[in-house]
Amino acid sequence: MTKVPAVYIMASRRNGTIYVGVTSDLPGRAWQHRDGIVQGFTKRYGCKLLVWFERHETMESAIMREKQIKAGNRKAKLALIEADNSTWRDLFEEIAQ
């Protein structure tokens, strides 16, 4: 399996609780969030919808981007989601193939 670094945002619902993360296996990690496999923030707050993601060439660049997004305010995070996914549809099916 090829590792592809990515930054992603999970949400509980439109304009609900959001979580920003980074991974080298986006389909696997999104599945873990959706099924509540791992204890933590996303399970506690029901962040099961993959609403935004961005692939990167290296894990270093993905981590830098994750930190940049996390440092921003909520309004900036919502704008990022809305720019590519204005209906907040779950993008999991697009990456699960």
PDB file of N, CA and C in Angstrom:
ATOM      1  N   MET A   1       0.850  -1.188   0.000  1.00  0.00           N
ATOM      2  CA  MET A   1       0.000   0.000   0.000  1.00  0.00           C
ATOM      3  C   MET A   1       0.890   1.244   0.000  1.00  0.00           C
ATOM      4  N   THR A   2       0.596   2.163  -0.880  1.00  0.00           N
ATOM      5  CA  THR A   2       1.338   3.408  -0.984  1.00  0.00           C
ATOM      6  C   THR A   2       0.839   4.404   0.047  1.00  0.00           C
ATOM      7  N   LYS A   3       1.777   4.986   0.752  1.00  0.00           N
ATOM      8  CA  LYS A   3       1.432   6.008   1.745  1.00  0.00           C
ATOM      9  C   LYS A   3       1.310   7.351   1.038  1.00  0.00           C
ATOM     10  N   VAL A   4       0.206   8.043   1.276  1.00  0.00           N
ATOM     11  CA  VAL A   4      -0.024   9.365   0.699  1.00  0.00           C
ATOM     12  C   VAL A   4      -0.373  10.314   1.837  1.00  0.00           C
ATOM     13  N   PRO A   5       0.558  11.189   2.215  1.00  0.00           N
ATOM     14  CA  PRO A   5       0.270  12.142   3.290  1.00  0.00           C
ATOM     15  C   PRO A   5      -0.905  13.047   2.942  1.00  0.00           C
ATOM     16  N   ALA A   6      -1.736  13.328   3.936  1.00  0.00           N
ATOM     17  CA  ALA A   6      -2.900  14.192   3.713  1.00  0.00           C
ATOM     18  C   ALA A   6      -3.291  14.892   5.012  1.00  0.00           C
ATOM     19  N   VAL A   7      -3.828  16.084   4.852  1.00  0.00           N
ATOM     20  CA  VAL A   7      -4.447  16.833   5.939  1.00  0.00           C
ATOM     21  C   VAL A   7      -5.948  16.710   5.703  1.00  0.00           C
ATOM     22  N   TYR A   8      -6.721  16.600   6.762  1.00  0.00           N
ATOM     23  CA  TYR A   8      -8.154  16.393   6.586  1.00  0.00           C
ATOM     24  C   TYR A   8      -8.943  17.074   7.688  1.00  0.00           C
ATOM     25  N   ILE A   9     -10.225  17.292   7.406  1.00  0.00           N
ATOM     26  CA  ILE A   9     -11.136  17.830   8.405  1.00  0.00           C
ATOM     27  C   ILE A   9     -12.351  16.911   8.496  1.00  0.00           C
ATOM     28  N   MET A  10     -12.643  16.479   9.725  1.00  0.00           N
ATOM     29  CA  MET A  10     -13.839  15.692  10.019  1.00  0.00           C
ATOM     30  C   MET A  10     -14.821  16.618  10.723  1.00  0.00           C
ATOM     31  N   ALA A  11     -16.110  16.397  10.529  1.00  0.00           N
ATOM     32  CA  ALA A  11     -17.135  17.231  11.164  1.00  0.00           C
ATOM     33  C   ALA A  11     -18.266  16.361  11.706  1.00  0.00           C
ATOM     34  N   SER A  12     -18.942  16.888  12.719  1.00  0.00           N
ATOM     35  CA  SER A  12     -20.090  16.177  13.282  1.00  0.00           C
ATOM     36  C   SER A  12     -21.338  16.400  12.426  1.00  0.00           C
ATOM     37  N   ARG A  13     -21.421  17.568  11.808  1.00  0.00           N
ATOM     38  CA  ARG A  13     -22.531  17.952  10.928  1.00  0.00           C
ATOM     39  C   ARG A  13     -22.153  19.298  10.320  1.00  0.00           C
ATOM     40  N   ARG A  14     -22.986  19.804   9.442  1.00  0.00           N
ATOM     41  CA  ARG A  14     -22.723  21.119   8.852  1.00  0.00           C
ATOM     42  C   ARG A  14     -22.621  22.163   9.971  1.00  0.00           C
ATOM     43  N   ASN A  15     -21.556  22.932   9.969  1.00  0.00           N
ATOM     44  CA  ASN A  15     -21.283  23.968  10.972  1.00  0.00           C
ATOM     45  C   ASN A  15     -21.216  23.429  12.390  1.00  0.00           C
ATOM     46  N   GLY A  16     -20.981  22.129  12.532  1.00  0.00           N
ATOM     47  CA  GLY A  16     -20.872  21.523  13.855  1.00  0.00           C
ATOM     48  C   GLY A  16     -19.433  21.511  14.340  1.00  0.00           C
ATOM     49  N   THR A  17     -19.143  20.561  15.199  1.00  0.00           N
ATOM     50  CA  THR A  17     -17.792  20.393  15.729  1.00  0.00           C
ATOM     51  C   THR A  17     -16.884  19.895  14.610  1.00  0.00           C
ATOM     52  N   ILE A  18     -15.670  20.454  14.531  1.00  0.00           N
ATOM     53  CA  ILE A  18     -14.730  20.029  13.497  1.00  0.00           C
ATOM     54  C   ILE A  18     -13.411  19.597  14.125  1.00  0.00           C
ATOM     55  N   TYR A  19     -12.713  18.725  13.413  1.00  0.00           N
ATOM     56  CA  TYR A  19     -11.428  18.198  13.843  1.00  0.00           C
ATOM     57  C   TYR A  19     -10.483  18.230  12.661  1.00  0.00           C
ATOM     58  N   VAL A  20      -9.280  18.731  12.869  1.00  0.00           N
ATOM     59  CA  VAL A  20      -8.253  18.781  11.830  1.00  0.00           C
ATOM     60  C   VAL A  20      -7.195  17.744  12.173  1.00  0.00           C
ATOM     61  N   GLY A  21      -6.829  16.913  11.203  1.00  0.00           N
ATOM     62  CA  GLY A  21      -5.818  15.890  11.440  1.00  0.00           C
ATOM     63  C   GLY A  21      -4.902  15.705  10.244  1.00  0.00           C
ATOM     64  N   VAL A  22      -3.888  14.871  10.433  1.00  0.00           N
ATOM     65  CA  VAL A  22      -2.931  14.538   9.372  1.00  0.00           C
ATOM     66  C   VAL A  22      -2.700  13.034   9.417  1.00  0.00           C
ATOM     67  N   THR A  23      -2.490  12.432   8.261  1.00  0.00           N
ATOM     68  CA  THR A  23      -2.310  10.984   8.183  1.00  0.00           C
ATOM     69  C   THR A  23      -1.575  10.619   6.900  1.00  0.00           C
ATOM     70  N   SER A  24      -1.066   9.398   6.864  1.00  0.00           N
ATOM     71  CA  SER A  24      -0.475   8.879   5.623  1.00  0.00           C
ATOM     72  C   SER A  24      -1.415   7.862   4.977  1.00  0.00           C
ATOM     73  N   ASP A  25      -2.556   7.607   5.610  1.00  0.00           N
ATOM     74  CA  ASP A  25      -3.553   6.661   5.099  1.00  0.00           C
ATOM     75  C   ASP A  25      -4.947   7.256   5.310  1.00  0.00           C
ATOM     76  N   LEU A  26      -5.332   8.159   4.422  1.00  0.00           N
ATOM     77  CA  LEU A  26      -6.599   8.872   4.595  1.00  0.00           C
ATOM     78  C   LEU A  26      -7.818   7.954   4.617  1.00  0.00           C
ATOM     79  N   PRO A  27      -7.946   7.003   3.691  1.00  0.00           N
ATOM     80  CA  PRO A  27      -9.127   6.128   3.763  1.00  0.00           C
ATOM     81  C   PRO A  27      -9.210   5.356   5.087  1.00  0.00           C
ATOM     82  N   GLY A  28      -8.091   4.819   5.525  1.00  0.00           N
ATOM     83  CA  GLY A  28      -8.069   4.062   6.776  1.00  0.00           C
ATOM     84  C   GLY A  28      -8.366   4.931   7.985  1.00  0.00           C
ATOM     85  N   ARG A  29      -7.778   6.106   8.030  1.00  0.00           N
ATOM     86  CA  ARG A  29      -7.976   6.989   9.173  1.00  0.00           C
ATOM     87  C   ARG A  29      -9.408   7.516   9.220  1.00  0.00           C
ATOM     88  N   ALA A  30      -9.944   7.906   8.066  1.00  0.00           N
ATOM     89  CA  ALA A  30     -11.330   8.390   8.020  1.00  0.00           C
ATOM     90  C   ALA A  30     -12.285   7.281   8.466  1.00  0.00           C
ATOM     91  N   TRP A  31     -12.011   6.046   8.058  1.00  0.00           N
ATOM     92  CA  TRP A  31     -12.836   4.912   8.473  1.00  0.00           C
ATOM     93  C   TRP A  31     -12.792   4.753   9.989  1.00  0.00           C
ATOM     94  N   GLN A  32     -11.600   4.900  10.584  1.00  0.00           N
ATOM     95  CA  GLN A  32     -11.481   4.799  12.046  1.00  0.00           C
ATOM     96  C   GLN A  32     -12.340   5.860  12.741  1.00  0.00           C
ATOM     97  N   HIS A  33     -12.322   7.081  12.220  1.00  0.00           N
ATOM     98  CA  HIS A  33     -13.146   8.143  12.803  1.00  0.00           C
ATOM     99  C   HIS A  33     -14.631   7.804  12.645  1.00  0.00           C
ATOM    100  N   ARG A  34     -15.023   7.379  11.457  1.00  0.00           N
ATOM    101  CA  ARG A  34     -16.430   7.081  11.173  1.00  0.00           C
ATOM    102  C   ARG A  34     -16.982   5.976  12.072  1.00  0.00           C
ATOM    103  N   ASP A  35     -16.150   4.967  12.319  1.00  0.00           N
ATOM    104  CA  ASP A  35     -16.610   3.819  13.107  1.00  0.00           C
ATOM    105  C   ASP A  35     -16.296   3.939  14.594  1.00  0.00           C
ATOM    106  N   GLY A  36     -15.693   5.049  15.005  1.00  0.00           N
ATOM    107  CA  GLY A  36     -15.400   5.265  16.419  1.00  0.00           C
ATOM    108  C   GLY A  36     -14.413   4.263  16.988  1.00  0.00           C
ATOM    109  N   ILE A  37     -13.481   3.810  16.172  1.00  0.00           N
ATOM    110  CA  ILE A  37     -12.504   2.794  16.569  1.00  0.00           C
ATOM    111  C   ILE A  37     -11.561   3.319  17.661  1.00  0.00           C
ATOM    112  N   VAL A  38     -11.147   4.571  17.537  1.00  0.00           N
ATOM    113  CA  VAL A  38     -10.165   5.147  18.457  1.00  0.00           C
ATOM    114  C   VAL A  38     -10.856   6.108  19.425  1.00  0.00           C
ATOM    115  N   GLN A  39     -10.559   5.925  20.709  1.00  0.00           N
ATOM    116  CA  GLN A  39     -11.085   6.845  21.721  1.00  0.00           C
ATOM    117  C   GLN A  39     -10.471   8.222  21.500  1.00  0.00           C
ATOM    118  N   GLY A  40     -11.218   9.256  21.770  1.00  0.00           N
ATOM    119  CA  GLY A  40     -10.663  10.600  21.667  1.00  0.00           C
ATOM    120  C   GLY A  40     -11.696  11.623  21.235  1.00  0.00           C
ATOM    121  N   PHE A  41     -11.206  12.748  20.774  1.00  0.00           N
ATOM    122  CA  PHE A  41     -12.033  13.899  20.431  1.00  0.00           C
ATOM    123  C   PHE A  41     -13.113  13.570  19.410  1.00  0.00           C
ATOM    124  N   THR A  42     -12.724  12.943  18.294  1.00  0.00           N
ATOM    125  CA  THR A  42     -13.714  12.711  17.231  1.00  0.00           C
ATOM    126  C   THR A  42     -14.812  11.747  17.662  1.00  0.00           C
ATOM    127  N   LYS A  43     -14.465  10.758  18.464  1.00  0.00           N
ATOM    128  CA  LYS A  43     -15.491   9.832  18.961  1.00  0.00           C
ATOM    129  C   LYS A  43     -16.398  10.548  19.953  1.00  0.00           C
ATOM    130  N   ARG A  44     -15.802  11.315  20.855  1.00  0.00           N
ATOM    131  CA  ARG A  44     -16.564  12.026  21.889  1.00  0.00           C
ATOM    132  C   ARG A  44     -17.553  13.011  21.264  1.00  0.00           C
ATOM    133  N   TYR A  45     -17.151  13.705  20.210  1.00  0.00           N
ATOM    134  CA  TYR A  45     -17.991  14.744  19.614  1.00  0.00           C
ATOM    135  C   TYR A  45     -18.684  14.315  18.320  1.00  0.00           C
ATOM    136  N   GLY A  46     -18.578  13.057  17.951  1.00  0.00           N
ATOM    137  CA  GLY A  46     -19.294  12.540  16.792  1.00  0.00           C
ATOM    138  C   GLY A  46     -18.837  13.091  15.457  1.00  0.00           C
ATOM    139  N   CYS A  47     -17.553  13.362  15.315  1.00  0.00           N
ATOM    140  CA  CYS A  47     -17.011  13.876  14.045  1.00  0.00           C
ATOM    141  C   CYS A  47     -16.788  12.695  13.102  1.00  0.00           C
ATOM    142  N   LYS A  48     -17.796  12.386  12.294  1.00  0.00           N
ATOM    143  CA  LYS A  48     -17.764  11.209  11.428  1.00  0.00           C
ATOM    144  C   LYS A  48     -17.787  11.538   9.949  1.00  0.00           C
ATOM    145  N   LEU A  49     -17.960  12.802   9.599  1.00  0.00           N
ATOM    146  CA  LEU A  49     -18.033  13.198   8.194  1.00  0.00           C
ATOM    147  C   LEU A  49     -16.698  13.764   7.722  1.00  0.00           C
ATOM    148  N   LEU A  50     -16.137  13.183   6.682  1.00  0.00           N
ATOM    149  CA  LEU A  50     -14.930  13.736   6.068  1.00  0.00           C
ATOM    150  C   LEU A  50     -15.394  14.854   5.140  1.00  0.00           C
ATOM    151  N   VAL A  51     -15.142  16.096   5.525  1.00  0.00           N
ATOM    152  CA  VAL A  51     -15.682  17.225   4.760  1.00  0.00           C
ATOM    153  C   VAL A  51     -14.632  17.987   3.954  1.00  0.00           C
ATOM    154  N   TRP A  52     -13.354  17.711   4.203  1.00  0.00           N
ATOM    155  CA  TRP A  52     -12.294  18.388   3.464  1.00  0.00           C
ATOM    156  C   TRP A  52     -11.010  17.590   3.601  1.00  0.00           C
ATOM    157  N   PHE A  53     -10.214  17.561   2.539  1.00  0.00           N
ATOM    158  CA  PHE A  53      -8.878  16.963   2.634  1.00  0.00           C
ATOM    159  C   PHE A  53      -7.983  17.573   1.567  1.00  0.00           C
ATOM    160  N   GLU A  54      -6.690  17.427   1.810  1.00  0.00           N
ATOM    161  CA  GLU A  54      -5.674  17.967   0.910  1.00  0.00           C
ATOM    162  C   GLU A  54      -4.499  16.993   0.944  1.00  0.00           C
ATOM    163  N   ARG A  55      -4.144  16.445  -0.208  1.00  0.00           N
ATOM    164  CA  ARG A  55      -3.017  15.518  -0.280  1.00  0.00           C
ATOM    165  C   ARG A  55      -1.707  16.289  -0.425  1.00  0.00           C
ATOM    166  N   HIS A  56      -0.622  15.681   0.067  1.00  0.00           N
ATOM    167  CA  HIS A  56       0.695  16.314   0.032  1.00  0.00           C
ATOM    168  C   HIS A  56       1.746  15.336  -0.490  1.00  0.00           C
ATOM    169  N   GLU A  57       2.836  15.883  -0.967  1.00  0.00           N
ATOM    170  CA  GLU A  57       3.945  15.066  -1.458  1.00  0.00           C
ATOM    171  C   GLU A  57       4.722  14.422  -0.315  1.00  0.00           C
ATOM    172  N   THR A  58       4.885  15.151   0.780  1.00  0.00           N
ATOM    173  CA  THR A  58       5.658  14.644   1.919  1.00  0.00           C
ATOM    174  C   THR A  58       4.866  14.803   3.210  1.00  0.00           C
ATOM    175  N   MET A  59       5.207  13.969   4.184  1.00  0.00           N
ATOM    176  CA  MET A  59       4.557  14.078   5.488  1.00  0.00           C
ATOM    177  C   MET A  59       4.947  15.398   6.150  1.00  0.00           C
ATOM    178  N   GLU A  60       6.158  15.847   5.918  1.00  0.00           N
ATOM    179  CA  GLU A  60       6.602  17.114   6.508  1.00  0.00           C
ATOM    180  C   GLU A  60       5.721  18.278   6.049  1.00  0.00           C
ATOM    181  N   SER A  61       5.409  18.327   4.753  1.00  0.00           N
ATOM    182  CA  SER A  61       4.566  19.422   4.255  1.00  0.00           C
ATOM    183  C   SER A  61       3.135  19.280   4.773  1.00  0.00           C
ATOM    184  N   ALA A  62       2.656  18.044   4.920  1.00  0.00           N
ATOM    185  CA  ALA A  62       1.312  17.822   5.461  1.00  0.00           C
ATOM    186  C   ALA A  62       1.237  18.280   6.917  1.00  0.00           C
ATOM    187  N   ILE A  63       2.262  17.968   7.685  1.00  0.00           N
ATOM    188  CA  ILE A  63       2.281  18.378   9.095  1.00  0.00           C
ATOM    189  C   ILE A  63       2.337  19.897   9.212  1.00  0.00           C
ATOM    190  N   MET A  64       3.139  20.527   8.367  1.00  0.00           N
ATOM    191  CA  MET A  64       3.210  21.999   8.385  1.00  0.00           C
ATOM    192  C   MET A  64       1.852  22.614   8.058  1.00  0.00           C
ATOM    193  N   ARG A  65       1.157  22.044   7.070  1.00  0.00           N
ATOM    194  CA  ARG A  65      -0.161  22.548   6.685  1.00  0.00           C
ATOM    195  C   ARG A  65      -1.175  22.317   7.798  1.00  0.00           C
ATOM    196  N   GLU A  66      -1.126  21.162   8.444  1.00  0.00           N
ATOM    197  CA  GLU A  66      -2.027  20.875   9.565  1.00  0.00           C
ATOM    198  C   GLU A  66      -1.838  21.922  10.664  1.00  0.00           C
ATOM    199  N   LYS A  67      -0.599  22.203  10.996  1.00  0.00           N
ATOM    200  CA  LYS A  67      -0.308  23.201  12.036  1.00  0.00           C
ATOM    201  C   LYS A  67      -0.823  24.578  11.641  1.00  0.00           C
ATOM    202  N   GLN A  68      -0.668  24.919  10.354  1.00  0.00           N
ATOM    203  CA  GLN A  68      -1.159  26.214   9.848  1.00  0.00           C
ATOM    204  C   GLN A  68      -2.675  26.299   9.998  1.00  0.00           C
ATOM    205  N   ILE A  69      -3.376  25.245   9.623  1.00  0.00           N
ATOM    206  CA  ILE A  69      -4.840  25.238   9.714  1.00  0.00           C
ATOM    207  C   ILE A  69      -5.284  25.285  11.170  1.00  0.00           C
ATOM    208  N   LYS A  70      -4.653  24.476  12.026  1.00  0.00           N
ATOM    209  CA  LYS A  70      -5.023  24.452  13.444  1.00  0.00           C
ATOM    210  C   LYS A  70      -4.776  25.794  14.116  1.00  0.00           C
ATOM    211  N   ALA A  71      -3.771  26.534  13.642  1.00  0.00           N
ATOM    212  CA  ALA A  71      -3.453  27.841  14.226  1.00  0.00           C
ATOM    213  C   ALA A  71      -4.478  28.904  13.833  1.00  0.00           C
ATOM    214  N   GLY A  72      -5.214  28.646  12.768  1.00  0.00           N
ATOM    215  CA  GLY A  72      -6.228  29.605  12.310  1.00  0.00           C
ATOM    216  C   GLY A  72      -7.479  29.539  13.163  1.00  0.00           C
ATOM    217  N   ASN A  73      -8.323  30.514  12.987  1.00  0.00           N
ATOM    218  CA  ASN A  73      -9.569  30.533  13.756  1.00  0.00           C
ATOM    219  C   ASN A  73     -10.638  29.664  13.085  1.00  0.00           C
ATOM    220  N   ARG A  74     -11.735  29.473  13.774  1.00  0.00           N
ATOM    221  CA  ARG A  74     -12.814  28.633  13.252  1.00  0.00           C
ATOM    222  C   ARG A  74     -13.355  29.161  11.923  1.00  0.00           C
ATOM    223  N   LYS A  75     -13.472  30.472  11.811  1.00  0.00           N
ATOM    224  CA  LYS A  75     -13.994  31.078  10.588  1.00  0.00           C
ATOM    225  C   LYS A  75     -13.136  30.680   9.384  1.00  0.00           C
ATOM    226  N   ALA A  76     -11.826  30.661   9.551  1.00  0.00           N
ATOM    227  CA  ALA A  76     -10.922  30.276   8.457  1.00  0.00           C
ATOM    228  C   ALA A  76     -11.098  28.800   8.099  1.00  0.00           C
ATOM    229  N   LYS A  77     -11.297  27.957   9.100  1.00  0.00           N
ATOM    230  CA  LYS A  77     -11.507  26.530   8.850  1.00  0.00           C
ATOM    231  C   LYS A  77     -12.821  26.298   8.111  1.00  0.00           C
ATOM    232  N   LEU A  78     -13.862  26.999   8.522  1.00  0.00           N
ATOM    233  CA  LEU A  78     -15.157  26.869   7.843  1.00  0.00           C
ATOM    234  C   LEU A  78     -15.060  27.353   6.399  1.00  0.00           C
ATOM    235  N   ALA A  79     -14.320  28.427   6.175  1.00  0.00           N
ATOM    236  CA  ALA A  79     -14.143  28.951   4.816  1.00  0.00           C
ATOM    237  C   ALA A  79     -13.407  27.938   3.943  1.00  0.00           C
ATOM    238  N   LEU A  80     -12.441  27.240   4.510  1.00  0.00           N
ATOM    239  CA  LEU A  80     -11.699  26.216   3.781  1.00  0.00           C
ATOM    240  C   LEU A  80     -12.643  25.106   3.327  1.00  0.00           C
ATOM    241  N   ILE A  81     -13.496  24.666   4.223  1.00  0.00           N
ATOM    242  CA  ILE A  81     -14.472  23.623   3.885  1.00  0.00           C
ATOM    243  C   ILE A  81     -15.441  24.136   2.825  1.00  0.00           C
ATOM    244  N   GLU A  82     -16.016  25.290   3.068  1.00  0.00           N
ATOM    245  CA  GLU A  82     -17.031  25.857   2.167  1.00  0.00           C
ATOM    246  C   GLU A  82     -16.502  26.099   0.748  1.00  0.00           C
ATOM    247  N   ALA A  83     -15.220  26.421   0.621  1.00  0.00           N
ATOM    248  CA  ALA A  83     -14.640  26.707  -0.698  1.00  0.00           C
ATOM    249  C   ALA A  83     -14.702  25.488  -1.618  1.00  0.00           C
ATOM    250  N   ASP A  84     -14.502  24.290  -1.064  1.00  0.00           N
ATOM    251  CA  ASP A  84     -14.486  23.073  -1.880  1.00  0.00           C
ATOM    252  C   ASP A  84     -15.704  22.184  -1.700  1.00  0.00           C
ATOM    253  N   ASN A  85     -16.443  22.385  -0.608  1.00  0.00           N
ATOM    254  CA  ASN A  85     -17.535  21.471  -0.270  1.00  0.00           C
ATOM    255  C   ASN A  85     -18.666  22.258   0.408  1.00  0.00           C
ATOM    256  N   SER A  86     -19.309  23.112  -0.341  1.00  0.00           N
ATOM    257  CA  SER A  86     -20.311  24.021   0.224  1.00  0.00           C
ATOM    258  C   SER A  86     -21.519  23.304   0.829  1.00  0.00           C
ATOM    259  N   THR A  87     -21.762  22.068   0.428  1.00  0.00           N
ATOM    260  CA  THR A  87     -22.900  21.322   0.980  1.00  0.00           C
ATOM    261  C   THR A  87     -22.483  20.431   2.159  1.00  0.00           C
ATOM    262  N   TRP A  88     -21.213  20.423   2.484  1.00  0.00           N
ATOM    263  CA  TRP A  88     -20.675  19.619   3.576  1.00  0.00           C
ATOM    264  C   TRP A  88     -20.992  18.132   3.383  1.00  0.00           C
ATOM    265  N   ARG A  89     -20.965  17.671   2.141  1.00  0.00           N
ATOM    266  CA  ARG A  89     -21.219  16.247   1.898  1.00  0.00           C
ATOM    267  C   ARG A  89     -20.031  15.425   2.420  1.00  0.00           C
ATOM    268  N   ASP A  90     -20.295  14.195   2.766  1.00  0.00           N
ATOM    269  CA  ASP A  90     -19.257  13.290   3.256  1.00  0.00           C
ATOM    270  C   ASP A  90     -18.423  12.826   2.061  1.00  0.00           C
ATOM    271  N   LEU A  91     -17.134  13.099   2.090  1.00  0.00           N
ATOM    272  CA  LEU A  91     -16.242  12.779   0.981  1.00  0.00           C
ATOM    273  C   LEU A  91     -15.636  11.387   1.105  1.00  0.00           C
ATOM    274  N   PHE A  92     -16.017  10.644   2.110  1.00  0.00           N
ATOM    275  CA  PHE A  92     -15.421   9.332   2.352  1.00  0.00           C
ATOM    276  C   PHE A  92     -15.535   8.403   1.137  1.00  0.00           C
ATOM    277  N   GLU A  93     -16.690   8.373   0.516  1.00  0.00           N
ATOM    278  CA  GLU A  93     -16.882   7.471  -0.638  1.00  0.00           C
ATOM    279  C   GLU A  93     -15.939   7.816  -1.782  1.00  0.00           C
ATOM    280  N   GLU A  94     -15.542   9.076  -1.904  1.00  0.00           N
ATOM    281  CA  GLU A  94     -14.624   9.484  -2.971  1.00  0.00           C
ATOM    282  C   GLU A  94     -13.222   8.947  -2.760  1.00  0.00           C
ATOM    283  N   ILE A  95     -12.835   8.733  -1.517  1.00  0.00           N
ATOM    284  CA  ILE A  95     -11.471   8.282  -1.245  1.00  0.00           C
ATOM    285  C   ILE A  95     -11.388   6.817  -0.881  1.00  0.00           C
ATOM    286  N   ALA A  96     -12.511   6.170  -0.613  1.00  0.00           N
ATOM    287  CA  ALA A  96     -12.534   4.798  -0.120  1.00  0.00           C
ATOM    288  C   ALA A  96     -12.350   3.763  -1.229  1.00  0.00           C
ATOM    289  N   GLN A  97     -12.184   4.201  -2.434  1.00  0.00           N
ATOM    290  CA  GLN A  97     -12.135   3.264  -3.571  1.00  0.00           C
ATOM    291  C   GLN A  97     -10.762   2.736  -3.834  1.00  0.00           C
TER     292      GLN A  97
END
